[in-house]
């Protein structure tokens, strides 16, 4: 992630968002940098609070790591970022970065469900390739067992049901969290 030397909170927050854009699958997945009305309060909030939010996400990431032996763990970094509504996702796993990057929009789901969202993206990283296929299902089931979360029940269209497992309760206004 890009480190800034600026003392200005807005600039530090904007630099963080540009760093998140560089780690996303598509830079347009972090599009709030273009919204002139929203970016000032969001960037300022990010500068003042993102370290605490990322620490919580890293604790979730560590809980997922702890479900596997050290030699089974992938090198993964995790960051919070407001993701563009147009993509319709709460988080993403970019397998093309080294280490693998997970971006989580913590404003889209209630904090009690952050672990479930991290677990879902971690399963993608552990499987090693995109999609909701058999390897993803095996990684997800292993994480469910290790984190004491009920595994997904069998569905006729298992791939479709895995896209949103575990269910994470949405917030009313995803950007409200980012505005503080």
C-alpha atoms as a PDB file:
ATOM      1  CA  UNK A   1       0.000   0.000   0.000  1.00  0.00           C
ATOM      2  CA  UNK A   2       1.214   3.473  -0.785  1.00  0.00           C
ATOM      3  CA  UNK A   3       2.711   5.305   2.173  1.00  0.00           C
ATOM      4  CA  UNK A   4       2.311   9.064   2.271  1.00  0.00           C
ATOM      5  CA  UNK A   5       4.426  11.623   4.047  1.00  0.00           C
ATOM      6  CA  UNK A   6       1.773  14.312   3.962  1.00  0.00           C
ATOM      7  CA  UNK A   7       0.525  15.786   7.223  1.00  0.00           C
ATOM      8  CA  UNK A   8      -2.767  16.775   5.586  1.00  0.00           C
ATOM      9  CA  UNK A   9      -5.529  14.220   6.449  1.00  0.00           C
ATOM     10  CA  UNK A  10      -7.323  14.643   3.120  1.00  0.00           C
ATOM     11  CA  UNK A  11      -4.114  13.999   1.182  1.00  0.00           C
ATOM     12  CA  UNK A  12      -3.230  10.964   3.333  1.00  0.00           C
ATOM     13  CA  UNK A  13      -6.708   9.499   2.784  1.00  0.00           C
ATOM     14  CA  UNK A  14      -6.610  10.175  -0.945  1.00  0.00           C
ATOM     15  CA  UNK A  15      -3.166   8.551  -1.174  1.00  0.00           C
ATOM     16  CA  UNK A  16      -4.596   5.509   0.642  1.00  0.00           C
ATOM     17  CA  UNK A  17      -7.454   5.264  -1.865  1.00  0.00           C
ATOM     18  CA  UNK A  18      -5.046   5.487  -4.785  1.00  0.00           C
ATOM     19  CA  UNK A  19      -3.018   2.717  -3.154  1.00  0.00           C
ATOM     20  CA  UNK A  20      -6.178   0.608  -2.875  1.00  0.00           C
ATOM     21  CA  UNK A  21      -6.949   1.302  -6.550  1.00  0.00           C
ATOM     22  CA  UNK A  22      -3.504  -0.043  -7.475  1.00  0.00           C
ATOM     23  CA  UNK A  23      -4.278  -3.316  -5.629  1.00  0.00           C
ATOM     24  CA  UNK A  24      -7.805  -3.837  -6.994  1.00  0.00           C
ATOM     25  CA  UNK A  25      -8.588  -6.128  -9.917  1.00  0.00           C
ATOM     26  CA  UNK A  26      -9.672  -2.982 -11.783  1.00  0.00           C
ATOM     27  CA  UNK A  27      -8.777   0.499 -10.490  1.00  0.00           C
ATOM     28  CA  UNK A  28     -12.384   1.596 -11.130  1.00  0.00           C
ATOM     29  CA  UNK A  29     -13.442  -0.699  -8.280  1.00  0.00           C
ATOM     30  CA  UNK A  30     -12.377   2.133  -5.955  1.00  0.00           C
ATOM     31  CA  UNK A  31     -14.122   5.045  -7.626  1.00  0.00           C
ATOM     32  CA  UNK A  32     -14.878   7.424  -4.736  1.00  0.00           C
ATOM     33  CA  UNK A  33     -11.765   9.409  -5.720  1.00  0.00           C
ATOM     34  CA  UNK A  34     -13.859  10.893  -8.543  1.00  0.00           C
ATOM     35  CA  UNK A  35     -16.782  11.979  -6.370  1.00  0.00           C
ATOM     36  CA  UNK A  36     -15.873  15.533  -5.454  1.00  0.00           C
ATOM     37  CA  UNK A  37     -18.738  15.884  -2.953  1.00  0.00           C
ATOM     38  CA  UNK A  38     -17.966  12.695  -1.030  1.00  0.00           C
ATOM     39  CA  UNK A  39     -14.214  12.298  -1.262  1.00  0.00           C
ATOM     40  CA  UNK A  40     -13.192  15.065   1.155  1.00  0.00           C
ATOM     41  CA  UNK A  41     -15.037  13.692   4.205  1.00  0.00           C
ATOM     42  CA  UNK A  42     -14.256  10.089   3.220  1.00  0.00           C
ATOM     43  CA  UNK A  43     -10.541  10.730   2.689  1.00  0.00           C
ATOM     44  CA  UNK A  44     -10.298  12.663   5.952  1.00  0.00           C
ATOM     45  CA  UNK A  45     -12.073   9.866   7.832  1.00  0.00           C
ATOM     46  CA  UNK A  46      -9.788   7.273   6.248  1.00  0.00           C
ATOM     47  CA  UNK A  47      -6.668   9.185   7.296  1.00  0.00           C
ATOM     48  CA  UNK A  48      -7.833   9.257  10.907  1.00  0.00           C
ATOM     49  CA  UNK A  49      -9.333   5.758  11.263  1.00  0.00           C
ATOM     50  CA  UNK A  50      -8.044   3.318   8.635  1.00  0.00           C
ATOM     51  CA  UNK A  51      -5.251   1.879  10.784  1.00  0.00           C
ATOM     52  CA  UNK A  52      -7.777   0.688  13.396  1.00  0.00           C
ATOM     53  CA  UNK A  53     -10.099  -0.759  10.728  1.00  0.00           C
ATOM     54  CA  UNK A  54      -7.236  -2.552   8.983  1.00  0.00           C
ATOM     55  CA  UNK A  55      -6.082  -3.923  12.360  1.00  0.00           C
ATOM     56  CA  UNK A  56      -9.532  -5.500  12.815  1.00  0.00           C
ATOM     57  CA  UNK A  57      -9.379  -6.984   9.316  1.00  0.00           C
ATOM     58  CA  UNK A  58      -5.890  -8.313   9.999  1.00  0.00           C
ATOM     59  CA  UNK A  59      -7.220 -10.035  13.131  1.00  0.00           C
ATOM     60  CA  UNK A  60      -9.862 -11.714  10.922  1.00  0.00           C
ATOM     61  CA  UNK A  61      -7.157 -12.658   8.414  1.00  0.00           C
ATOM     62  CA  UNK A  62      -5.050 -14.164  11.210  1.00  0.00           C
ATOM     63  CA  UNK A  63      -8.050 -16.194  12.414  1.00  0.00           C
ATOM     64  CA  UNK A  64      -8.302 -17.625   8.893  1.00  0.00           C
ATOM     65  CA  UNK A  65      -4.544 -18.314   8.761  1.00  0.00           C
ATOM     66  CA  UNK A  66      -4.832 -20.147  12.079  1.00  0.00           C
ATOM     67  CA  UNK A  67      -7.163 -22.691  10.437  1.00  0.00           C
ATOM     68  CA  UNK A  68      -4.252 -24.003   8.355  1.00  0.00           C
ATOM     69  CA  UNK A  69      -0.775 -25.330   9.052  1.00  0.00           C
ATOM     70  CA  UNK A  70       1.927 -22.705   8.407  1.00  0.00           C
ATOM     71  CA  UNK A  71       3.055 -24.439   5.211  1.00  0.00           C
ATOM     72  CA  UNK A  72      -0.536 -24.295   3.881  1.00  0.00           C
ATOM     73  CA  UNK A  73      -0.902 -20.550   4.429  1.00  0.00           C
ATOM     74  CA  UNK A  74      -0.651 -18.121   1.517  1.00  0.00           C
ATOM     75  CA  UNK A  75       1.057 -14.757   1.695  1.00  0.00           C
ATOM     76  CA  UNK A  76      -1.941 -12.417   1.924  1.00  0.00           C
ATOM     77  CA  UNK A  77      -2.386  -8.739   2.693  1.00  0.00           C
ATOM     78  CA  UNK A  78      -5.760  -7.222   3.558  1.00  0.00           C
ATOM     79  CA  UNK A  79      -7.094  -3.678   3.415  1.00  0.00           C
ATOM     80  CA  UNK A  80     -10.415  -1.933   3.812  1.00  0.00           C
ATOM     81  CA  UNK A  81     -11.598   0.206   0.904  1.00  0.00           C
ATOM     82  CA  UNK A  82     -14.917   1.602  -0.297  1.00  0.00           C
ATOM     83  CA  UNK A  83     -15.747  -0.438  -3.404  1.00  0.00           C
ATOM     84  CA  UNK A  84     -17.775   0.956  -6.292  1.00  0.00           C
ATOM     85  CA  UNK A  85     -21.495   0.182  -6.096  1.00  0.00           C
ATOM     86  CA  UNK A  86     -21.503  -0.644  -9.814  1.00  0.00           C
ATOM     87  CA  UNK A  87     -19.464  -3.834  -9.239  1.00  0.00           C
ATOM     88  CA  UNK A  88     -21.980  -5.173  -6.717  1.00  0.00           C
ATOM     89  CA  UNK A  89     -19.389  -6.819  -4.451  1.00  0.00           C
ATOM     90  CA  UNK A  90     -18.479  -6.521  -0.771  1.00  0.00           C
ATOM     91  CA  UNK A  91     -14.917  -7.757  -1.135  1.00  0.00           C
ATOM     92  CA  UNK A  92     -12.420  -9.072  -3.612  1.00  0.00           C
ATOM     93  CA  UNK A  93      -9.356 -11.261  -3.781  1.00  0.00           C
ATOM     94  CA  UNK A  94      -6.665 -10.218  -6.242  1.00  0.00           C
ATOM     95  CA  UNK A  95      -4.587 -13.314  -6.956  1.00  0.00           C
ATOM     96  CA  UNK A  96      -2.336 -11.359  -9.331  1.00  0.00           C
ATOM     97  CA  UNK A  97      -0.600  -9.336  -6.612  1.00  0.00           C
ATOM     98  CA  UNK A  98       2.294 -10.603  -4.522  1.00  0.00           C
ATOM     99  CA  UNK A  99       1.329 -11.043  -1.782  1.00  0.00           C
ATOM    100  CA  UNK A 100      -2.281 -11.837  -2.670  1.00  0.00           C
ATOM    101  CA  UNK A 101      -4.496  -8.854  -1.830  1.00  0.00           C
ATOM    102  CA  UNK A 102      -7.913  -8.932  -0.210  1.00  0.00           C
ATOM    103  CA  UNK A 103      -9.912  -5.694  -0.302  1.00  0.00           C
ATOM    104  CA  UNK A 104     -12.980  -5.522   1.934  1.00  0.00           C
ATOM    105  CA  UNK A 105     -15.636  -2.809   1.819  1.00  0.00           C
ATOM    106  CA  UNK A 106     -16.369  -2.708   5.533  1.00  0.00           C
ATOM    107  CA  UNK A 107     -19.104  -0.150   4.911  1.00  0.00           C
ATOM    108  CA  UNK A 108     -21.250  -2.665   3.017  1.00  0.00           C
ATOM    109  CA  UNK A 109     -21.751  -5.203   5.823  1.00  0.00           C
ATOM    110  CA  UNK A 110     -22.267  -4.888   9.547  1.00  0.00           C
ATOM    111  CA  UNK A 111     -19.064  -5.246  11.618  1.00  0.00           C
ATOM    112  CA  UNK A 112     -20.230  -8.533  13.159  1.00  0.00           C
ATOM    113  CA  UNK A 113     -20.086 -10.064   9.666  1.00  0.00           C
ATOM    114  CA  UNK A 114     -16.609  -8.842   8.701  1.00  0.00           C
ATOM    115  CA  UNK A 115     -15.067 -12.205   9.637  1.00  0.00           C
ATOM    116  CA  UNK A 116     -17.445 -14.039   7.302  1.00  0.00           C
ATOM    117  CA  UNK A 117     -16.576 -11.712   4.445  1.00  0.00           C
ATOM    118  CA  UNK A 118     -12.843 -12.098   5.081  1.00  0.00           C
ATOM    119  CA  UNK A 119     -13.311 -15.880   5.287  1.00  0.00           C
ATOM    120  CA  UNK A 120     -15.026 -15.924   1.875  1.00  0.00           C
ATOM    121  CA  UNK A 121     -12.212 -13.956   0.225  1.00  0.00           C
ATOM    122  CA  UNK A 122      -9.570 -15.998   2.065  1.00  0.00           C
ATOM    123  CA  UNK A 123     -11.102 -19.160   0.577  1.00  0.00           C
ATOM    124  CA  UNK A 124     -10.492 -17.670  -2.887  1.00  0.00           C
ATOM    125  CA  UNK A 125      -6.864 -16.953  -1.984  1.00  0.00           C
ATOM    126  CA  UNK A 126      -6.352 -20.433  -0.552  1.00  0.00           C
ATOM    127  CA  UNK A 127      -7.950 -22.114  -3.580  1.00  0.00           C
ATOM    128  CA  UNK A 128      -5.530 -20.167  -5.787  1.00  0.00           C
ATOM    129  CA  UNK A 129      -7.813 -19.320  -8.673  1.00  0.00           C
ATOM    130  CA  UNK A 130     -11.025 -17.313  -9.121  1.00  0.00           C
ATOM    131  CA  UNK A 131     -14.536 -18.706  -9.016  1.00  0.00           C
ATOM    132  CA  UNK A 132     -16.806 -20.669  -6.715  1.00  0.00           C
ATOM    133  CA  UNK A 133     -15.670 -24.148  -7.725  1.00  0.00           C
ATOM    134  CA  UNK A 134     -14.793 -27.364  -5.885  1.00  0.00           C
ATOM    135  CA  UNK A 135     -11.411 -26.135  -4.586  1.00  0.00           C
ATOM    136  CA  UNK A 136     -13.060 -22.953  -3.274  1.00  0.00           C
ATOM    137  CA  UNK A 137     -15.753 -25.076  -1.593  1.00  0.00           C
ATOM    138  CA  UNK A 138     -13.101 -27.264   0.066  1.00  0.00           C
ATOM    139  CA  UNK A 139     -11.194 -24.227   1.356  1.00  0.00           C
ATOM    140  CA  UNK A 140     -14.421 -22.621   2.573  1.00  0.00           C
ATOM    141  CA  UNK A 141     -15.526 -25.805   4.361  1.00  0.00           C
ATOM    142  CA  UNK A 142     -12.133 -26.060   6.063  1.00  0.00           C
ATOM    143  CA  UNK A 143     -12.393 -22.432   7.222  1.00  0.00           C
ATOM    144  CA  UNK A 144     -15.945 -22.994   8.471  1.00  0.00           C
ATOM    145  CA  UNK A 145     -14.736 -25.928  10.551  1.00  0.00           C
ATOM    146  CA  UNK A 146     -11.790 -23.980  11.962  1.00  0.00           C
ATOM    147  CA  UNK A 147     -13.834 -20.860  12.736  1.00  0.00           C
ATOM    148  CA  UNK A 148     -16.861 -22.771  14.098  1.00  0.00           C
ATOM    149  CA  UNK A 149     -19.163 -21.381  11.403  1.00  0.00           C
ATOM    150  CA  UNK A 150     -21.850 -23.627   9.946  1.00  0.00           C
ATOM    151  CA  UNK A 151     -20.722 -24.868   6.530  1.00  0.00           C
ATOM    152  CA  UNK A 152     -22.919 -24.226   3.523  1.00  0.00           C
ATOM    153  CA  UNK A 153     -25.675 -26.743   3.025  1.00  0.00           C
ATOM    154  CA  UNK A 154     -25.837 -28.689  -0.192  1.00  0.00           C
ATOM    155  CA  UNK A 155     -27.725 -26.859  -2.934  1.00  0.00           C
ATOM    156  CA  UNK A 156     -28.576 -28.081  -6.455  1.00  0.00           C
ATOM    157  CA  UNK A 157     -26.672 -25.073  -7.839  1.00  0.00           C
ATOM    158  CA  UNK A 158     -23.812 -25.110  -5.346  1.00  0.00           C
ATOM    159  CA  UNK A 159     -21.704 -22.581  -7.259  1.00  0.00           C
ATOM    160  CA  UNK A 160     -24.468 -19.962  -7.109  1.00  0.00           C
ATOM    161  CA  UNK A 161     -25.049 -20.523  -3.392  1.00  0.00           C
ATOM    162  CA  UNK A 162     -21.313 -20.240  -2.637  1.00  0.00           C
ATOM    163  CA  UNK A 163     -21.160 -16.774  -4.221  1.00  0.00           C
ATOM    164  CA  UNK A 164     -22.794 -15.284  -1.157  1.00  0.00           C
ATOM    165  CA  UNK A 165     -21.704 -17.671   1.584  1.00  0.00           C
ATOM    166  CA  UNK A 166     -21.612 -16.949   4.405  1.00  0.00           C
ATOM    167  CA  UNK A 167     -24.465 -14.506   4.276  1.00  0.00           C
ATOM    168  CA  UNK A 168     -23.352 -11.062   5.456  1.00  0.00           C
ATOM    169  CA  UNK A 169     -25.978  -8.586   6.564  1.00  0.00           C
ATOM    170  CA  UNK A 170     -25.858  -5.441   4.432  1.00  0.00           C
ATOM    171  CA  UNK A 171     -25.870  -1.897   5.727  1.00  0.00           C
ATOM    172  CA  UNK A 172     -28.394   0.701   4.585  1.00  0.00           C
ATOM    173  CA  UNK A 173     -25.827   3.161   3.209  1.00  0.00           C
ATOM    174  CA  UNK A 174     -22.417   1.673   2.351  1.00  0.00           C
ATOM    175  CA  UNK A 175     -20.675   5.056   2.309  1.00  0.00           C
ATOM    176  CA  UNK A 176     -22.046   6.099   5.727  1.00  0.00           C
ATOM    177  CA  UNK A 177     -19.329   4.084   7.466  1.00  0.00           C
ATOM    178  CA  UNK A 178     -16.635   5.807   5.398  1.00  0.00           C
ATOM    179  CA  UNK A 179     -17.983   9.249   6.275  1.00  0.00           C
ATOM    180  CA  UNK A 180     -17.858   8.408   9.980  1.00  0.00           C
END
